[in-house]
Amino acid sequence: MRTTLSQAARQIATVLAVSLAIGLTAGCHRDPNKQKLRYLESGKRYADQGKLKEATIQFANALKVDRNYADAHYQLSKVFLKQGSVMPAYGELMRTVDLQPGNLQARIDLGNILLAGKQIDRATAQATAVLAIDNNNADAHALLSSIAAAKGIASRHWRRFNRLSRPTRIGPHSMLRSACCRATIQPPPPRGRPAT
């Protein structure tokens, strides 16, 4: 009888140990942080390869794991912009800025969409928020220059942007904005010289 009880106890202990090991192993594969990072990285790879539909699915999967994952919202907005889907991109950028106010590039992208939609005051607010964090942000100065151009006025941001627009500090959007601004706004004449 004693041997039967000790054998049963060993069998139960073995079953519990195996079950615990399986449970711990499965738990490692289901770590939400690792899972959402895996989806995010996969989505970025797809986006880099131009597979936008697959990228969208992966970013959406990351958001299923954590709906407040700001990086996934931002990456999804970039894919939507590449697809020409401005309204979904706008929604994702709004969510990104709400979750991660320090994401300066998301604020710039949001400001550009707002400017395109003629929401001048809201676009200005985004550029101003960026400059409050980084006063030398060339993209923010370029956005404010574009806003001034939309209003039909020259601005100090145009001059500041020109000083900041070095190849190492400027993005492609800023270069395009600079060309547009230069075509529509002439810089003010130097002091003491009459305008031509």
Protein backbone atom coordinates (compact mmCIF):
# COMPACT_ATOMS: atom_id res chain seq x y z
CA MET A 1 0.00 0.00 0.00
CA ARG A 2 2.86 2.37 0.86
CA THR A 3 4.55 1.77 -2.45
CA THR A 4 1.31 2.43 -4.29
CA LEU A 5 0.87 5.80 -2.51
CA SER A 6 4.44 6.87 -3.15
CA GLN A 7 4.17 5.84 -6.82
CA ALA A 8 0.92 7.80 -7.13
CA ALA A 9 2.52 10.81 -5.44
CA ARG A 10 5.48 10.64 -7.85
CA GLN A 11 3.16 10.41 -10.84
CA ILE A 12 1.14 13.40 -9.63
CA ALA A 13 4.33 15.37 -8.99
CA THR A 14 5.63 14.49 -12.47
CA VAL A 15 2.35 15.52 -14.11
CA LEU A 16 2.35 18.81 -12.18
CA ALA A 17 5.98 19.52 -13.09
CA VAL A 18 5.35 18.85 -16.79
CA SER A 19 2.17 20.97 -16.74
CA LEU A 20 4.01 23.81 -15.05
CA ALA A 21 6.85 23.66 -17.58
CA ILE A 22 4.40 23.71 -20.49
CA GLY A 23 2.50 26.61 -18.93
CA LEU A 24 5.65 28.66 -18.42
CA THR A 25 6.86 27.97 -21.96
CA ALA A 26 3.52 28.93 -23.47
CA GLY A 27 3.44 32.08 -21.32
CA CYS A 28 6.71 33.28 -22.81
CA HIS A 29 5.25 33.14 -26.30
CA ARG A 30 2.24 35.14 -25.23
CA ASP A 31 4.00 38.07 -23.59
CA PRO A 32 1.94 41.02 -24.91
CA ASN A 33 4.92 43.39 -25.10
CA LYS A 34 6.98 40.96 -27.14
CA GLN A 35 3.99 40.12 -29.29
CA LYS A 36 3.15 43.73 -30.14
CA LEU A 37 6.83 44.49 -30.88
CA ARG A 38 6.97 41.49 -33.20
CA TYR A 39 3.89 42.74 -35.07
CA LEU A 40 5.31 46.28 -35.24
CA GLU A 41 8.66 45.14 -36.63
CA SER A 42 6.95 42.84 -39.13
CA GLY A 43 4.71 45.70 -40.25
CA LYS A 44 7.70 47.99 -40.71
CA ARG A 45 9.44 45.37 -42.86
CA TYR A 46 6.34 45.00 -45.01
CA ALA A 47 6.01 48.78 -45.35
CA ASP A 48 9.66 49.09 -46.37
CA GLN A 49 9.05 46.45 -49.05
CA GLY A 50 6.00 48.35 -50.31
CA LYS A 51 3.59 45.64 -49.10
CA LEU A 52 1.18 48.14 -47.59
CA LYS A 53 -1.78 45.79 -47.16
CA GLU A 54 0.35 43.32 -45.17
CA ALA A 55 1.85 46.18 -43.16
CA THR A 56 -1.64 47.44 -42.31
CA ILE A 57 -2.61 43.98 -41.05
CA GLN A 58 0.48 43.71 -38.86
CA PHE A 59 0.02 47.16 -37.33
CA ALA A 60 -3.65 46.35 -36.70
CA ASN A 61 -2.54 43.11 -35.01
CA ALA A 62 -0.23 45.11 -32.74
CA LEU A 63 -3.17 47.35 -31.86
CA LYS A 64 -5.29 44.29 -31.04
CA VAL A 65 -2.68 43.37 -28.43
CA ASP A 66 -2.47 46.95 -27.09
CA ARG A 67 -4.94 49.49 -28.44
CA ASN A 68 -2.93 52.31 -26.83
CA TYR A 69 0.31 51.42 -28.62
CA ALA A 70 1.32 54.83 -29.99
CA ASP A 71 4.08 53.51 -32.26
CA ALA A 72 1.64 51.19 -34.04
CA HIS A 73 -0.85 54.04 -34.49
CA TYR A 74 1.89 56.21 -35.99
CA GLN A 75 3.19 53.51 -38.33
CA LEU A 76 -0.37 52.78 -39.44
CA SER A 77 -0.87 56.49 -40.20
CA LYS A 78 2.24 56.45 -42.41
CA VAL A 79 0.89 53.46 -44.36
CA PHE A 80 -2.48 55.17 -44.79
CA LEU A 81 -0.73 58.29 -46.11
CA LYS A 82 1.24 56.18 -48.61
CA GLN A 83 -2.06 54.67 -49.74
CA GLY A 84 -3.60 58.12 -50.10
CA SER A 85 -6.14 57.46 -47.35
CA VAL A 86 -5.99 60.83 -45.64
CA MET A 87 -8.94 60.51 -43.23
CA PRO A 88 -7.78 57.22 -41.65
CA ALA A 89 -4.25 58.67 -41.46
CA TYR A 90 -5.65 61.76 -39.74
CA GLY A 91 -7.42 59.59 -37.16
CA GLU A 92 -4.29 57.56 -36.45
CA LEU A 93 -2.16 60.71 -36.14
CA MET A 94 -4.66 62.25 -33.72
CA ARG A 95 -4.53 59.08 -31.64
CA THR A 96 -0.70 59.06 -31.78
CA VAL A 97 -0.44 62.66 -30.59
CA ASP A 98 -2.95 61.99 -27.80
CA LEU A 99 -0.98 58.96 -26.60
CA GLN A 100 2.50 60.32 -27.26
CA PRO A 101 2.56 64.15 -27.23
CA GLY A 102 6.35 64.14 -27.60
CA ASN A 103 6.24 62.45 -31.02
CA LEU A 104 7.35 65.51 -32.98
CA GLN A 105 7.17 63.91 -36.42
CA ALA A 106 3.57 62.80 -35.79
CA ARG A 107 2.72 66.39 -34.89
CA ILE A 108 4.37 67.67 -38.08
CA ASP A 109 2.51 65.10 -40.19
CA LEU A 110 -0.75 65.99 -38.46
CA GLY A 111 -0.05 69.70 -39.00
CA ASN A 112 0.49 69.09 -42.72
CA ILE A 113 -2.83 67.26 -43.01
CA LEU A 114 -4.58 70.03 -41.09
CA LEU A 115 -2.99 72.66 -43.34
CA ALA A 116 -4.09 70.76 -46.45
CA GLY A 117 -7.60 70.74 -44.98
CA LYS A 118 -7.38 74.51 -44.40
CA GLN A 119 -7.45 74.07 -40.63
CA ILE A 120 -4.87 76.84 -40.22
CA ASP A 121 -5.26 77.41 -36.48
CA ARG A 122 -5.03 73.72 -35.65
CA ALA A 123 -2.01 73.27 -37.94
CA THR A 124 -0.36 76.25 -36.24
CA ALA A 125 -1.02 74.66 -32.84
CA GLN A 126 0.81 71.50 -33.91
CA ALA A 127 3.83 73.41 -35.22
CA THR A 128 3.91 75.57 -32.10
CA ALA A 129 3.80 72.45 -29.89
CA VAL A 130 6.82 71.06 -31.75
CA LEU A 131 8.73 74.33 -31.37
CA ALA A 132 7.96 74.36 -27.64
CA ILE A 133 9.92 71.10 -27.41
CA ASP A 134 12.55 71.77 -30.09
CA ASN A 135 12.86 75.42 -31.10
CA ASN A 136 15.27 74.53 -33.92
CA ASN A 137 13.02 71.97 -35.60
CA ALA A 138 13.30 72.79 -39.31
CA ASP A 139 10.11 70.88 -40.19
CA ALA A 140 8.09 72.94 -37.71
CA HIS A 141 9.49 76.20 -39.09
CA ALA A 142 8.77 74.98 -42.61
CA LEU A 143 5.19 74.15 -41.59
CA LEU A 144 4.76 77.63 -40.13
CA SER A 145 6.20 79.10 -43.33
CA SER A 146 3.67 77.13 -45.34
CA ILE A 147 0.92 78.38 -43.03
CA ALA A 148 2.12 81.94 -43.58
CA ALA A 149 2.12 81.34 -47.33
CA ALA A 150 -1.44 80.03 -47.09
CA LYS A 151 -2.35 83.23 -45.28
CA GLY A 152 -0.48 85.24 -47.93
CA ILE A 153 2.09 86.75 -45.60
CA ALA A 154 5.84 86.41 -45.21
CA SER A 155 6.97 85.24 -41.83
CA ARG A 156 9.98 85.12 -39.58
CA HIS A 157 9.73 81.33 -39.80
CA TRP A 158 10.67 81.50 -43.48
CA ARG A 159 13.93 83.18 -42.53
CA ARG A 160 14.49 80.82 -39.61
CA PHE A 161 13.76 77.81 -41.81
CA ASN A 162 16.34 78.97 -44.35
CA ARG A 163 18.97 79.17 -41.61
CA LEU A 164 18.08 75.72 -40.28
CA SER A 165 17.65 73.93 -43.60
CA ARG A 166 20.91 72.08 -43.79
CA PRO A 167 20.91 68.62 -45.40
CA THR A 168 21.51 66.91 -42.06
CA ARG A 169 18.59 68.63 -40.32
CA ILE A 170 15.90 68.68 -42.95
CA GLY A 171 13.46 66.06 -44.13
CA PRO A 172 12.06 65.60 -47.62
CA HIS A 173 8.77 67.24 -46.66
CA SER A 174 10.63 70.36 -45.55
CA MET A 175 12.58 70.51 -48.78
CA LEU A 176 9.34 70.43 -50.77
CA ARG A 177 7.79 73.07 -48.52
CA SER A 178 10.89 75.22 -48.92
CA ALA A 179 10.61 75.09 -52.70
CA CYS A 180 6.92 75.99 -52.52
CA CYS A 181 7.55 78.84 -50.12
CA ARG A 182 10.36 80.24 -52.22
CA ALA A 183 8.11 80.15 -55.25
CA THR A 184 5.27 81.98 -53.52
CA ILE A 185 6.96 84.22 -50.96
CA GLN A 186 9.90 86.41 -51.64
CA PRO A 187 12.07 87.10 -48.61
CA PRO A 188 11.82 90.59 -47.21
CA PRO A 189 14.45 92.98 -48.56
CA PRO A 190 17.49 93.63 -46.38
CA ARG A 191 17.10 96.57 -44.04
CA GLY A 192 17.77 99.89 -45.66
CA ARG A 193 17.06 98.68 -49.20
CA PRO A 194 13.74 99.31 -50.93
CA ALA A 195 11.72 96.31 -52.11
CA THR A 196 11.90 95.64 -55.85
